[in-house]
């Protein structure tokens, strides 16, 4: 009887089961949590639990750190304003220190919509579609009737406009 080779642990069975080297490289820096599935070897079967939608564009070098920070700020405003879609329960605890140093949801909402108005209607569409909703720039471009390759260029222009609005240094 022939000895049968077992399935290698590093082979993904579906897309969400194993982290790509790109995602693992970026995982430790910006608050992305990684769950180790295999206790025997921590390099095997890693799973990304949370990741920002535009992280992949930063990692690939398609956008700059300034543009990524502008996207993070817009996403933060969206969350603080209470505009983000809730797909499940939020079990994170807010620590109350007695001070009112944070931005209220109304202020966050007005700043969020002010930023979208400042970059214009077309660029606000790609900001909403890619940065907030998490779709790809190619999908946005195809939906709007543009060339698919132009989606990343439009995303860069959009994020540069947001960076200018937020007063981020170049």
C-alpha atoms as a PDB file:
ATOM      1  CA  UNK A   1       0.000   0.000   0.000  1.00  0.00           C
ATOM      2  CA  UNK A   2       1.328   3.412  -0.997  1.00  0.00           C
ATOM      3  CA  UNK A   3       1.828   6.015   1.695  1.00  0.00           C
ATOM      4  CA  UNK A   4      -0.405   8.963   1.010  1.00  0.00           C
ATOM      5  CA  UNK A   5       0.931  12.482   1.430  1.00  0.00           C
ATOM      6  CA  UNK A   6      -1.089  14.582   3.822  1.00  0.00           C
ATOM      7  CA  UNK A   7      -2.345  18.025   2.968  1.00  0.00           C
ATOM      8  CA  UNK A   8       0.246  20.693   3.660  1.00  0.00           C
ATOM      9  CA  UNK A   9      -0.820  23.203   6.272  1.00  0.00           C
ATOM     10  CA  UNK A  10       0.394  26.186   4.284  1.00  0.00           C
ATOM     11  CA  UNK A  11      -1.983  25.519   1.401  1.00  0.00           C
ATOM     12  CA  UNK A  12      -5.126  27.675   1.628  1.00  0.00           C
ATOM     13  CA  UNK A  13      -8.458  25.970   1.129  1.00  0.00           C
ATOM     14  CA  UNK A  14     -10.270  29.234   0.506  1.00  0.00           C
ATOM     15  CA  UNK A  15      -9.270  32.903   0.309  1.00  0.00           C
ATOM     16  CA  UNK A  16     -10.061  33.884   3.892  1.00  0.00           C
ATOM     17  CA  UNK A  17      -8.220  31.028   5.521  1.00  0.00           C
ATOM     18  CA  UNK A  18      -4.595  32.073   5.108  1.00  0.00           C
ATOM     19  CA  UNK A  19      -3.023  35.479   5.161  1.00  0.00           C
ATOM     20  CA  UNK A  20      -0.935  36.493   2.177  1.00  0.00           C
ATOM     21  CA  UNK A  21       2.653  37.626   2.845  1.00  0.00           C
ATOM     22  CA  UNK A  22       1.558  41.148   1.914  1.00  0.00           C
ATOM     23  CA  UNK A  23      -1.129  41.183   4.620  1.00  0.00           C
ATOM     24  CA  UNK A  24       1.149  39.593   7.225  1.00  0.00           C
ATOM     25  CA  UNK A  25       3.886  42.152   6.498  1.00  0.00           C
ATOM     26  CA  UNK A  26       1.452  45.014   7.074  1.00  0.00           C
ATOM     27  CA  UNK A  27      -0.375  43.400   9.961  1.00  0.00           C
ATOM     28  CA  UNK A  28       1.652  44.485  12.951  1.00  0.00           C
ATOM     29  CA  UNK A  29       1.901  48.226  12.382  1.00  0.00           C
ATOM     30  CA  UNK A  30      -1.523  49.776  12.085  1.00  0.00           C
ATOM     31  CA  UNK A  31      -3.699  47.967  14.580  1.00  0.00           C
ATOM     32  CA  UNK A  32      -4.532  44.898  12.534  1.00  0.00           C
ATOM     33  CA  UNK A  33      -4.981  41.867  14.719  1.00  0.00           C
ATOM     34  CA  UNK A  34      -3.748  38.472  13.598  1.00  0.00           C
ATOM     35  CA  UNK A  35      -5.110  35.229  14.930  1.00  0.00           C
ATOM     36  CA  UNK A  36      -2.694  32.289  14.962  1.00  0.00           C
ATOM     37  CA  UNK A  37      -4.655  29.198  13.992  1.00  0.00           C
ATOM     38  CA  UNK A  38      -1.839  26.673  14.428  1.00  0.00           C
ATOM     39  CA  UNK A  39      -0.210  26.503  17.870  1.00  0.00           C
ATOM     40  CA  UNK A  40       2.490  24.123  16.637  1.00  0.00           C
ATOM     41  CA  UNK A  41       3.975  26.520  14.097  1.00  0.00           C
ATOM     42  CA  UNK A  42       3.011  30.235  14.303  1.00  0.00           C
ATOM     43  CA  UNK A  43       3.987  30.763  10.649  1.00  0.00           C
ATOM     44  CA  UNK A  44       1.232  28.461   9.443  1.00  0.00           C
ATOM     45  CA  UNK A  45      -2.442  29.250   8.998  1.00  0.00           C
ATOM     46  CA  UNK A  46      -2.583  32.902   9.966  1.00  0.00           C
ATOM     47  CA  UNK A  47      -5.861  34.695   9.646  1.00  0.00           C
ATOM     48  CA  UNK A  48      -6.381  38.456   9.467  1.00  0.00           C
ATOM     49  CA  UNK A  49      -9.221  39.443  11.767  1.00  0.00           C
ATOM     50  CA  UNK A  50      -9.478  43.144  10.946  1.00  0.00           C
ATOM     51  CA  UNK A  51      -7.972  45.285   8.204  1.00  0.00           C
ATOM     52  CA  UNK A  52      -8.663  48.717   6.776  1.00  0.00           C
ATOM     53  CA  UNK A  53      -9.904  48.595   3.161  1.00  0.00           C
ATOM     54  CA  UNK A  54      -7.140  50.837   1.744  1.00  0.00           C
ATOM     55  CA  UNK A  55      -4.299  49.023   3.513  1.00  0.00           C
ATOM     56  CA  UNK A  56      -3.694  46.888   0.451  1.00  0.00           C
ATOM     57  CA  UNK A  57      -3.147  49.995  -1.706  1.00  0.00           C
ATOM     58  CA  UNK A  58      -0.565  51.365   0.732  1.00  0.00           C
ATOM     59  CA  UNK A  59       1.212  48.027   0.930  1.00  0.00           C
ATOM     60  CA  UNK A  60       1.418  47.741  -2.861  1.00  0.00           C
ATOM     61  CA  UNK A  61       2.803  51.267  -3.159  1.00  0.00           C
ATOM     62  CA  UNK A  62      -0.225  52.556  -5.049  1.00  0.00           C
ATOM     63  CA  UNK A  63      -0.838  55.348  -2.512  1.00  0.00           C
ATOM     64  CA  UNK A  64       1.476  57.275  -0.192  1.00  0.00           C
ATOM     65  CA  UNK A  65       1.473  57.307   3.606  1.00  0.00           C
ATOM     66  CA  UNK A  66      -0.102  60.794   3.556  1.00  0.00           C
ATOM     67  CA  UNK A  67      -2.926  59.575   1.339  1.00  0.00           C
ATOM     68  CA  UNK A  68      -3.434  56.548   3.596  1.00  0.00           C
ATOM     69  CA  UNK A  69      -3.611  58.814   6.668  1.00  0.00           C
ATOM     70  CA  UNK A  70      -6.235  60.975   4.918  1.00  0.00           C
ATOM     71  CA  UNK A  71      -8.291  57.836   4.252  1.00  0.00           C
ATOM     72  CA  UNK A  72      -7.878  56.777   7.901  1.00  0.00           C
ATOM     73  CA  UNK A  73      -9.054  60.184   9.091  1.00  0.00           C
ATOM     74  CA  UNK A  74     -12.125  60.077   6.841  1.00  0.00           C
ATOM     75  CA  UNK A  75     -12.948  56.567   8.056  1.00  0.00           C
ATOM     76  CA  UNK A  76     -12.508  57.692  11.666  1.00  0.00           C
ATOM     77  CA  UNK A  77     -14.876  60.615  11.116  1.00  0.00           C
ATOM     78  CA  UNK A  78     -17.404  58.272   9.522  1.00  0.00           C
ATOM     79  CA  UNK A  79     -17.247  55.934  12.514  1.00  0.00           C
ATOM     80  CA  UNK A  80     -17.372  58.748  15.082  1.00  0.00           C
ATOM     81  CA  UNK A  81     -20.362  60.313  13.340  1.00  0.00           C
ATOM     82  CA  UNK A  82     -22.257  57.040  13.637  1.00  0.00           C
ATOM     83  CA  UNK A  83     -22.582  56.684   9.864  1.00  0.00           C
ATOM     84  CA  UNK A  84     -20.743  53.354   9.629  1.00  0.00           C
ATOM     85  CA  UNK A  85     -22.885  50.315   8.966  1.00  0.00           C
ATOM     86  CA  UNK A  86     -23.170  48.020  11.954  1.00  0.00           C
ATOM     87  CA  UNK A  87     -22.979  44.410  10.946  1.00  0.00           C
ATOM     88  CA  UNK A  88     -22.744  42.985  14.430  1.00  0.00           C
ATOM     89  CA  UNK A  89     -22.465  43.868  18.066  1.00  0.00           C
ATOM     90  CA  UNK A  90     -19.728  46.220  19.196  1.00  0.00           C
ATOM     91  CA  UNK A  91     -18.170  44.876  22.357  1.00  0.00           C
ATOM     92  CA  UNK A  92     -15.383  47.426  22.636  1.00  0.00           C
ATOM     93  CA  UNK A  93     -15.491  49.426  25.819  1.00  0.00           C
ATOM     94  CA  UNK A  94     -15.093  53.195  25.853  1.00  0.00           C
ATOM     95  CA  UNK A  95     -13.027  54.504  28.741  1.00  0.00           C
ATOM     96  CA  UNK A  96     -14.560  57.590  30.264  1.00  0.00           C
ATOM     97  CA  UNK A  97     -12.067  59.793  32.058  1.00  0.00           C
ATOM     98  CA  UNK A  98     -14.462  62.588  32.956  1.00  0.00           C
ATOM     99  CA  UNK A  99     -13.173  64.981  30.297  1.00  0.00           C
ATOM    100  CA  UNK A 100     -14.935  66.011  27.133  1.00  0.00           C
ATOM    101  CA  UNK A 101     -11.829  66.136  24.944  1.00  0.00           C
ATOM    102  CA  UNK A 102     -13.286  64.085  22.089  1.00  0.00           C
ATOM    103  CA  UNK A 103     -15.341  65.193  19.137  1.00  0.00           C
ATOM    104  CA  UNK A 104     -19.096  64.755  19.394  1.00  0.00           C
ATOM    105  CA  UNK A 105     -20.951  62.765  16.768  1.00  0.00           C
ATOM    106  CA  UNK A 106     -22.561  65.916  15.397  1.00  0.00           C
ATOM    107  CA  UNK A 107     -19.206  67.653  14.992  1.00  0.00           C
ATOM    108  CA  UNK A 108     -17.728  64.545  13.366  1.00  0.00           C
ATOM    109  CA  UNK A 109     -20.670  64.341  10.973  1.00  0.00           C
ATOM    110  CA  UNK A 110     -20.364  67.987   9.917  1.00  0.00           C
ATOM    111  CA  UNK A 111     -16.594  67.632   9.399  1.00  0.00           C
ATOM    112  CA  UNK A 112     -17.129  64.405   7.432  1.00  0.00           C
ATOM    113  CA  UNK A 113     -19.633  65.987   5.065  1.00  0.00           C
ATOM    114  CA  UNK A 114     -17.489  69.155   4.887  1.00  0.00           C
ATOM    115  CA  UNK A 115     -14.533  67.064   3.694  1.00  0.00           C
ATOM    116  CA  UNK A 116     -16.669  65.362   1.049  1.00  0.00           C
ATOM    117  CA  UNK A 117     -18.033  68.718  -0.142  1.00  0.00           C
ATOM    118  CA  UNK A 118     -14.501  70.155  -0.302  1.00  0.00           C
ATOM    119  CA  UNK A 119     -13.235  67.489  -2.715  1.00  0.00           C
ATOM    120  CA  UNK A 120     -16.271  67.656  -4.990  1.00  0.00           C
ATOM    121  CA  UNK A 121     -19.064  65.313  -5.991  1.00  0.00           C
ATOM    122  CA  UNK A 122     -17.080  62.978  -8.275  1.00  0.00           C
ATOM    123  CA  UNK A 123     -14.186  62.486  -5.866  1.00  0.00           C
ATOM    124  CA  UNK A 124     -16.600  62.156  -2.957  1.00  0.00           C
ATOM    125  CA  UNK A 125     -18.091  59.214  -4.834  1.00  0.00           C
ATOM    126  CA  UNK A 126     -14.791  57.361  -4.970  1.00  0.00           C
ATOM    127  CA  UNK A 127     -14.099  58.260  -1.325  1.00  0.00           C
ATOM    128  CA  UNK A 128     -17.416  56.737  -0.306  1.00  0.00           C
ATOM    129  CA  UNK A 129     -17.132  53.739  -2.632  1.00  0.00           C
ATOM    130  CA  UNK A 130     -13.496  52.776  -1.956  1.00  0.00           C
ATOM    131  CA  UNK A 131     -12.477  54.257   1.408  1.00  0.00           C
ATOM    132  CA  UNK A 132     -15.712  53.803   3.340  1.00  0.00           C
ATOM    133  CA  UNK A 133     -17.424  50.861   1.607  1.00  0.00           C
ATOM    134  CA  UNK A 134     -14.216  48.921   0.911  1.00  0.00           C
ATOM    135  CA  UNK A 135     -14.663  48.252  -2.806  1.00  0.00           C
ATOM    136  CA  UNK A 136     -11.832  48.375  -5.313  1.00  0.00           C
ATOM    137  CA  UNK A 137     -11.023  51.473  -7.383  1.00  0.00           C
ATOM    138  CA  UNK A 138     -11.468  49.357 -10.513  1.00  0.00           C
ATOM    139  CA  UNK A 139     -15.050  48.521  -9.537  1.00  0.00           C
ATOM    140  CA  UNK A 140     -15.741  52.220  -8.960  1.00  0.00           C
ATOM    141  CA  UNK A 141     -14.267  53.161 -12.343  1.00  0.00           C
ATOM    142  CA  UNK A 142     -16.255  50.462 -14.133  1.00  0.00           C
ATOM    143  CA  UNK A 143     -19.453  51.553 -12.374  1.00  0.00           C
ATOM    144  CA  UNK A 144     -18.865  55.175 -13.427  1.00  0.00           C
ATOM    145  CA  UNK A 145     -18.022  54.236 -17.031  1.00  0.00           C
ATOM    146  CA  UNK A 146     -14.275  54.996 -16.837  1.00  0.00           C
ATOM    147  CA  UNK A 147     -11.275  52.850 -17.696  1.00  0.00           C
ATOM    148  CA  UNK A 148     -10.632  50.295 -14.937  1.00  0.00           C
ATOM    149  CA  UNK A 149      -6.951  51.281 -14.684  1.00  0.00           C
ATOM    150  CA  UNK A 150      -7.944  54.886 -13.986  1.00  0.00           C
ATOM    151  CA  UNK A 151      -9.567  53.973 -10.680  1.00  0.00           C
ATOM    152  CA  UNK A 152      -6.315  54.071  -8.698  1.00  0.00           C
ATOM    153  CA  UNK A 153      -5.403  57.434 -10.236  1.00  0.00           C
ATOM    154  CA  UNK A 154      -8.791  58.837  -9.218  1.00  0.00           C
ATOM    155  CA  UNK A 155      -8.288  57.400  -5.711  1.00  0.00           C
ATOM    156  CA  UNK A 156      -4.907  59.165  -5.433  1.00  0.00           C
ATOM    157  CA  UNK A 157      -6.422  62.479  -6.529  1.00  0.00           C
ATOM    158  CA  UNK A 158      -9.279  62.021  -4.074  1.00  0.00           C
ATOM    159  CA  UNK A 159      -6.972  61.237  -1.154  1.00  0.00           C
ATOM    160  CA  UNK A 160      -4.661  64.155  -2.020  1.00  0.00           C
ATOM    161  CA  UNK A 161      -7.686  66.456  -1.890  1.00  0.00           C
ATOM    162  CA  UNK A 162      -8.677  65.019   1.485  1.00  0.00           C
ATOM    163  CA  UNK A 163      -5.114  65.471   2.772  1.00  0.00           C
ATOM    164  CA  UNK A 164      -5.190  69.126   1.667  1.00  0.00           C
ATOM    165  CA  UNK A 165      -8.569  69.629   3.350  1.00  0.00           C
ATOM    166  CA  UNK A 166      -7.313  68.116   6.619  1.00  0.00           C
ATOM    167  CA  UNK A 167      -4.153  70.280   6.434  1.00  0.00           C
ATOM    168  CA  UNK A 168      -1.722  67.369   6.307  1.00  0.00           C
ATOM    169  CA  UNK A 169       1.839  68.323   5.326  1.00  0.00           C
ATOM    170  CA  UNK A 170       3.084  67.058   1.974  1.00  0.00           C
END
